[in-house]
Amino acid sequence: MALHNVEEIALGIPSWGRDHPRFAMSLWSDAAFAIIAVLLVLAAVAFAFALWCQFRPHRWQAPMLRLFALVMLLNAGSHLALSLITASIMPGLVTALLVIVPVFGWIVLRAVDSPK
C-alpha cells in the first residue's frame, strides 16, 4: 500500500487531477499537501490496525481484513477505469495492477480465518 501511495505522489496525482477535472475529486486538484496528509493518515490507520490484530486477535479480524482488501481492490479498479476513460495513465495504475490486485486479491480469496 505504501508503494502505491508513493507512486501516486511521485507521479503527481494532484496534477493529473488538474488535467482531468471532470474525473478528479476537488481534493486532488486543490492541494497536494491534502493528498499527502490523507494518504499518511490512511497508511497509519492500516498499520495500527495490522499491529493491533497481531497482538489481539478477534473472530472478526479476517472479515475486516477482507473488507479492507475489497476496498483496496475497488481503489485499483478506479485507477484502471479512469486510465481507460481518460486515455491516460493515472498515477498509481502500475502498482494497482502489479501489487494491489494480486496481494489483496489473494487476501480476499485465500486468507485463512483468524482464531476464534
N, C-alpha and C. Protein backbone atom coordinates (compact mmCIF):
# COMPACT_ATOMS: atom_id res chain seq x y z
N MET A 1 0.82 -1.18 0.00
CA MET A 1 0.00 0.00 0.00
C MET A 1 0.88 1.26 0.00
N ALA A 2 1.94 1.24 0.78
CA ALA A 2 2.83 2.39 0.83
C ALA A 2 3.47 2.64 -0.54
N LEU A 3 3.87 1.57 -1.22
CA LEU A 3 4.45 1.70 -2.55
C LEU A 3 3.46 2.34 -3.52
N HIS A 4 2.21 1.95 -3.42
CA HIS A 4 1.15 2.52 -4.26
C HIS A 4 0.99 4.02 -3.97
N ASN A 5 1.00 4.38 -2.69
CA ASN A 5 0.88 5.79 -2.32
C ASN A 5 2.07 6.60 -2.80
N VAL A 6 3.26 6.03 -2.71
CA VAL A 6 4.47 6.72 -3.20
C VAL A 6 4.36 6.94 -4.71
N GLU A 7 3.88 5.93 -5.44
CA GLU A 7 3.72 6.10 -6.89
C GLU A 7 2.74 7.23 -7.20
N GLU A 8 1.62 7.27 -6.47
CA GLU A 8 0.64 8.34 -6.71
C GLU A 8 1.25 9.71 -6.48
N ILE A 9 2.00 9.85 -5.41
CA ILE A 9 2.61 11.15 -5.09
C ILE A 9 3.73 11.48 -6.07
N ALA A 10 4.61 10.51 -6.34
CA ALA A 10 5.76 10.75 -7.21
C ALA A 10 5.35 11.09 -8.64
N LEU A 11 4.29 10.46 -9.12
CA LEU A 11 3.85 10.72 -10.49
C LEU A 11 2.86 11.87 -10.58
N GLY A 12 2.56 12.49 -9.46
CA GLY A 12 1.79 13.73 -9.47
C GLY A 12 0.29 13.57 -9.62
N ILE A 13 -0.33 12.88 -8.69
CA ILE A 13 -1.78 12.73 -8.77
C ILE A 13 -2.51 14.08 -8.69
N PRO A 14 -2.00 15.08 -7.93
CA PRO A 14 -2.69 16.38 -7.98
C PRO A 14 -2.69 17.00 -9.38
N SER A 15 -1.57 16.91 -10.09
CA SER A 15 -1.53 17.49 -11.45
C SER A 15 -2.38 16.66 -12.41
N TRP A 16 -2.44 15.34 -12.21
CA TRP A 16 -3.33 14.50 -13.03
C TRP A 16 -4.77 14.95 -12.81
N GLY A 17 -5.11 15.25 -11.57
CA GLY A 17 -6.46 15.73 -11.26
C GLY A 17 -6.77 17.06 -11.93
N ARG A 18 -5.78 17.94 -11.98
CA ARG A 18 -5.99 19.23 -12.66
C ARG A 18 -6.16 19.03 -14.16
N ASP A 19 -5.44 18.06 -14.72
CA ASP A 19 -5.54 17.78 -16.15
C ASP A 19 -6.85 17.07 -16.52
N HIS A 20 -7.48 16.43 -15.55
CA HIS A 20 -8.72 15.68 -15.78
C HIS A 20 -9.77 16.09 -14.74
N PRO A 21 -10.16 17.37 -14.73
CA PRO A 21 -11.04 17.86 -13.67
C PRO A 21 -12.41 17.18 -13.64
N ARG A 22 -12.86 16.69 -14.77
CA ARG A 22 -14.17 16.04 -14.82
C ARG A 22 -14.20 14.75 -13.99
N PHE A 23 -13.05 14.09 -13.86
CA PHE A 23 -12.99 12.80 -13.18
C PHE A 23 -12.30 12.87 -11.83
N ALA A 24 -11.65 13.97 -11.52
CA ALA A 24 -10.88 14.07 -10.29
C ALA A 24 -11.70 14.68 -9.17
N MET A 25 -11.44 14.23 -7.96
CA MET A 25 -12.05 14.85 -6.80
C MET A 25 -11.43 16.23 -6.62
N SER A 26 -12.17 17.18 -6.07
CA SER A 26 -11.64 18.53 -5.90
C SER A 26 -10.40 18.53 -5.02
N LEU A 27 -10.30 17.57 -4.10
CA LEU A 27 -9.12 17.48 -3.24
C LEU A 27 -7.86 17.30 -4.07
N TRP A 28 -7.94 16.49 -5.13
CA TRP A 28 -6.77 16.24 -5.97
C TRP A 28 -6.29 17.51 -6.64
N SER A 29 -7.23 18.30 -7.11
CA SER A 29 -6.82 19.46 -7.88
C SER A 29 -6.58 20.68 -7.00
N ASP A 30 -6.98 20.64 -5.74
CA ASP A 30 -6.84 21.81 -4.89
C ASP A 30 -5.47 21.92 -4.23
N ALA A 31 -5.02 20.83 -3.60
CA ALA A 31 -3.77 20.96 -2.85
C ALA A 31 -3.07 19.61 -2.71
N ALA A 32 -1.81 19.60 -3.09
CA ALA A 32 -1.03 18.36 -2.98
C ALA A 32 -0.83 17.95 -1.53
N PHE A 33 -0.69 18.92 -0.64
CA PHE A 33 -0.47 18.57 0.77
C PHE A 33 -1.66 17.85 1.36
N ALA A 34 -2.85 18.14 0.88
CA ALA A 34 -4.05 17.46 1.39
C ALA A 34 -4.02 15.99 1.00
N ILE A 35 -3.60 15.70 -0.22
CA ILE A 35 -3.48 14.31 -0.67
C ILE A 35 -2.46 13.58 0.19
N ILE A 36 -1.33 14.18 0.40
CA ILE A 36 -0.28 13.54 1.19
C ILE A 36 -0.77 13.30 2.61
N ALA A 37 -1.47 14.26 3.19
CA ALA A 37 -1.99 14.09 4.55
C ALA A 37 -2.98 12.94 4.63
N VAL A 38 -3.89 12.86 3.68
CA VAL A 38 -4.88 11.78 3.66
C VAL A 38 -4.19 10.44 3.51
N LEU A 39 -3.24 10.34 2.60
CA LEU A 39 -2.53 9.08 2.39
C LEU A 39 -1.75 8.66 3.63
N LEU A 40 -1.13 9.61 4.29
CA LEU A 40 -0.38 9.28 5.50
C LEU A 40 -1.30 8.81 6.62
N VAL A 41 -2.44 9.46 6.77
CA VAL A 41 -3.40 9.04 7.80
C VAL A 41 -3.93 7.64 7.50
N LEU A 42 -4.28 7.38 6.25
CA LEU A 42 -4.77 6.05 5.89
C LEU A 42 -3.71 4.98 6.11
N ALA A 43 -2.48 5.27 5.75
CA ALA A 43 -1.39 4.32 5.97
C ALA A 43 -1.18 4.07 7.46
N ALA A 44 -1.25 5.12 8.27
CA ALA A 44 -1.08 4.97 9.72
C ALA A 44 -2.21 4.15 10.33
N VAL A 45 -3.43 4.39 9.88
CA VAL A 45 -4.58 3.61 10.38
C VAL A 45 -4.43 2.14 10.00
N ALA A 46 -4.05 1.88 8.76
CA ALA A 46 -3.87 0.49 8.32
C ALA A 46 -2.75 -0.18 9.13
N PHE A 47 -1.66 0.53 9.36
CA PHE A 47 -0.56 -0.03 10.14
C PHE A 47 -1.00 -0.30 11.58
N ALA A 48 -1.70 0.65 12.18
CA ALA A 48 -2.17 0.47 13.56
C ALA A 48 -3.13 -0.71 13.67
N PHE A 49 -4.02 -0.85 12.69
CA PHE A 49 -4.95 -1.98 12.69
C PHE A 49 -4.20 -3.30 12.56
N ALA A 50 -3.23 -3.37 11.67
CA ALA A 50 -2.45 -4.60 11.49
C ALA A 50 -1.69 -4.94 12.77
N LEU A 51 -1.09 -3.95 13.40
CA LEU A 51 -0.36 -4.17 14.64
C LEU A 51 -1.30 -4.64 15.74
N TRP A 52 -2.44 -4.01 15.87
CA TRP A 52 -3.43 -4.38 16.88
C TRP A 52 -3.90 -5.82 16.66
N CYS A 53 -4.14 -6.20 15.41
CA CYS A 53 -4.58 -7.57 15.11
C CYS A 53 -3.52 -8.60 15.47
N GLN A 54 -2.26 -8.23 15.39
CA GLN A 54 -1.19 -9.16 15.75
C GLN A 54 -1.21 -9.50 17.23
N PHE A 55 -1.55 -8.54 18.05
CA PHE A 55 -1.49 -8.73 19.50
C PHE A 55 -2.84 -9.07 20.13
N ARG A 56 -3.93 -8.78 19.45
CA ARG A 56 -5.26 -9.03 19.99
C ARG A 56 -6.17 -9.64 18.93
N PRO A 57 -5.92 -10.88 18.56
CA PRO A 57 -6.75 -11.49 17.52
C PRO A 57 -8.21 -11.64 17.98
N HIS A 58 -9.11 -11.38 17.07
CA HIS A 58 -10.54 -11.50 17.31
C HIS A 58 -11.17 -12.29 16.18
N ARG A 59 -12.37 -12.78 16.41
CA ARG A 59 -13.03 -13.59 15.38
C ARG A 59 -13.41 -12.77 14.16
N TRP A 60 -13.53 -11.47 14.29
CA TRP A 60 -13.90 -10.63 13.15
C TRP A 60 -12.68 -10.07 12.42
N GLN A 61 -11.51 -10.48 12.85
CA GLN A 61 -10.27 -9.98 12.24
C GLN A 61 -10.19 -10.32 10.75
N ALA A 62 -10.45 -11.58 10.39
CA ALA A 62 -10.37 -11.99 8.98
C ALA A 62 -11.42 -11.28 8.13
N PRO A 63 -12.68 -11.18 8.58
CA PRO A 63 -13.65 -10.42 7.77
C PRO A 63 -13.27 -8.95 7.59
N MET A 64 -12.70 -8.34 8.62
CA MET A 64 -12.27 -6.94 8.49
C MET A 64 -11.10 -6.82 7.52
N LEU A 65 -10.19 -7.78 7.56
CA LEU A 65 -9.07 -7.78 6.62
C LEU A 65 -9.58 -7.93 5.19
N ARG A 66 -10.55 -8.82 5.02
CA ARG A 66 -11.13 -9.00 3.68
C ARG A 66 -11.86 -7.73 3.22
N LEU A 67 -12.55 -7.06 4.13
CA LEU A 67 -13.23 -5.81 3.78
C LEU A 67 -12.21 -4.76 3.34
N PHE A 68 -11.12 -4.63 4.07
CA PHE A 68 -10.06 -3.70 3.70
C PHE A 68 -9.49 -4.06 2.33
N ALA A 69 -9.30 -5.37 2.10
CA ALA A 69 -8.78 -5.83 0.81
C ALA A 69 -9.74 -5.48 -0.32
N LEU A 70 -11.04 -5.63 -0.08
CA LEU A 70 -12.03 -5.26 -1.10
C LEU A 70 -11.98 -3.77 -1.42
N VAL A 71 -11.82 -2.95 -0.39
CA VAL A 71 -11.71 -1.50 -0.61
C VAL A 71 -10.48 -1.19 -1.45
N MET A 72 -9.37 -1.86 -1.17
CA MET A 72 -8.16 -1.65 -1.95
C MET A 72 -8.34 -2.11 -3.40
N LEU A 73 -9.08 -3.22 -3.60
CA LEU A 73 -9.36 -3.68 -4.96
C LEU A 73 -10.24 -2.69 -5.71
N LEU A 74 -11.19 -2.08 -5.01
CA LEU A 74 -12.01 -1.03 -5.64
C LEU A 74 -11.14 0.16 -6.03
N ASN A 75 -10.19 0.51 -5.17
CA ASN A 75 -9.26 1.59 -5.49
C ASN A 75 -8.46 1.25 -6.75
N ALA A 76 -7.96 0.03 -6.82
CA ALA A 76 -7.21 -0.40 -8.01
C ALA A 76 -8.10 -0.35 -9.25
N GLY A 77 -9.34 -0.79 -9.10
CA GLY A 77 -10.28 -0.75 -10.22
C GLY A 77 -10.54 0.67 -10.69
N SER A 78 -10.60 1.60 -9.74
CA SER A 78 -10.82 3.00 -10.14
C SER A 78 -9.64 3.54 -10.93
N HIS A 79 -8.43 3.14 -10.57
CA HIS A 79 -7.25 3.57 -11.33
C HIS A 79 -7.32 3.05 -12.77
N LEU A 80 -7.69 1.79 -12.92
CA LEU A 80 -7.79 1.20 -14.26
C LEU A 80 -8.91 1.87 -15.05
N ALA A 81 -10.08 2.01 -14.45
CA ALA A 81 -11.22 2.60 -15.15
C ALA A 81 -10.94 4.04 -15.57
N LEU A 82 -10.39 4.84 -14.66
CA LEU A 82 -10.11 6.24 -15.00
C LEU A 82 -9.00 6.36 -16.03
N SER A 83 -8.05 5.44 -16.00
CA SER A 83 -7.00 5.45 -17.03
C SER A 83 -7.59 5.15 -18.40
N LEU A 84 -8.50 4.19 -18.46
CA LEU A 84 -9.14 3.85 -19.74
C LEU A 84 -10.06 4.98 -20.22
N ILE A 85 -10.84 5.55 -19.32
CA ILE A 85 -11.78 6.61 -19.69
C ILE A 85 -11.05 7.86 -20.19
N THR A 86 -9.96 8.21 -19.51
CA THR A 86 -9.24 9.44 -19.88
C THR A 86 -8.14 9.21 -20.91
N ALA A 87 -7.92 7.97 -21.28
CA ALA A 87 -6.85 7.61 -22.23
C ALA A 87 -5.50 8.14 -21.75
N SER A 88 -5.28 8.03 -20.44
CA SER A 88 -4.02 8.45 -19.85
C SER A 88 -3.68 7.47 -18.73
N ILE A 89 -2.45 7.50 -18.30
CA ILE A 89 -2.06 6.64 -17.19
C ILE A 89 -2.22 7.43 -15.90
N MET A 90 -3.19 7.01 -15.10
CA MET A 90 -3.42 7.66 -13.82
C MET A 90 -2.30 7.27 -12.86
N PRO A 91 -1.72 8.23 -12.13
CA PRO A 91 -0.71 7.86 -11.14
C PRO A 91 -1.25 6.81 -10.17
N GLY A 92 -0.50 5.75 -9.99
CA GLY A 92 -0.92 4.66 -9.13
C GLY A 92 -1.39 3.44 -9.90
N LEU A 93 -1.54 3.57 -11.21
CA LEU A 93 -2.04 2.45 -12.02
C LEU A 93 -1.09 1.25 -12.01
N VAL A 94 0.19 1.50 -12.14
CA VAL A 94 1.15 0.40 -12.24
C VAL A 94 1.15 -0.44 -10.97
N THR A 95 1.27 0.21 -9.81
CA THR A 95 1.27 -0.57 -8.57
C THR A 95 -0.11 -1.14 -8.28
N ALA A 96 -1.16 -0.48 -8.75
CA ALA A 96 -2.50 -1.05 -8.57
C ALA A 96 -2.60 -2.39 -9.26
N LEU A 97 -2.09 -2.47 -10.49
CA LEU A 97 -2.18 -3.72 -11.25
C LEU A 97 -1.15 -4.76 -10.84
N LEU A 98 0.07 -4.31 -10.51
CA LEU A 98 1.14 -5.26 -10.21
C LEU A 98 1.25 -5.65 -8.74
N VAL A 99 0.72 -4.83 -7.84
CA VAL A 99 0.85 -5.12 -6.41
C VAL A 99 -0.51 -5.27 -5.74
N ILE A 100 -1.35 -4.25 -5.87
CA ILE A 100 -2.63 -4.24 -5.14
C ILE A 100 -3.52 -5.40 -5.56
N VAL A 101 -3.73 -5.58 -6.86
CA VAL A 101 -4.64 -6.64 -7.33
C VAL A 101 -4.17 -8.03 -6.91
N PRO A 102 -2.90 -8.40 -7.14
CA PRO A 102 -2.50 -9.76 -6.72
C PRO A 102 -2.52 -9.97 -5.20
N VAL A 103 -1.99 -9.02 -4.45
CA VAL A 103 -1.88 -9.20 -3.00
C VAL A 103 -3.25 -9.18 -2.34
N PHE A 104 -4.03 -8.14 -2.61
CA PHE A 104 -5.32 -8.03 -1.95
C PHE A 104 -6.34 -8.99 -2.56
N GLY A 105 -6.16 -9.36 -3.81
CA GLY A 105 -7.00 -10.40 -4.40
C GLY A 105 -6.78 -11.73 -3.70
N TRP A 106 -5.52 -12.05 -3.39
CA TRP A 106 -5.21 -13.27 -2.66
C TRP A 106 -5.85 -13.24 -1.27
N ILE A 107 -5.78 -12.09 -0.61
CA ILE A 107 -6.37 -11.97 0.72
C ILE A 107 -7.87 -12.25 0.66
N VAL A 108 -8.55 -11.67 -0.31
CA VAL A 108 -9.99 -11.88 -0.43
C VAL A 108 -10.30 -13.35 -0.69
N LEU A 109 -9.53 -13.99 -1.55
CA LEU A 109 -9.84 -15.36 -1.96
C LEU A 109 -9.28 -16.43 -1.03
N ARG A 110 -8.14 -16.19 -0.43
CA ARG A 110 -7.44 -17.28 0.26
C ARG A 110 -7.08 -17.06 1.73
N ALA A 111 -7.26 -15.89 2.24
CA ALA A 111 -6.84 -15.64 3.62
C ALA A 111 -7.55 -16.58 4.58
N VAL A 112 -6.80 -17.11 5.51
CA VAL A 112 -7.33 -18.05 6.49
C VAL A 112 -8.00 -17.27 7.61
N ASP A 113 -9.13 -17.75 8.08
CA ASP A 113 -9.83 -17.09 9.18
C ASP A 113 -8.95 -17.05 10.42
N SER A 114 -9.12 -15.99 11.19
CA SER A 114 -8.35 -15.84 12.42
C SER A 114 -8.90 -16.79 13.49
N PRO A 115 -8.10 -17.05 14.53
CA PRO A 115 -8.59 -17.91 15.61
C PRO A 115 -9.79 -17.29 16.29
N LYS A 116 -10.67 -18.13 16.73
CA LYS A 116 -11.91 -17.65 17.37
C LYS A 116 -11.71 -17.48 18.86
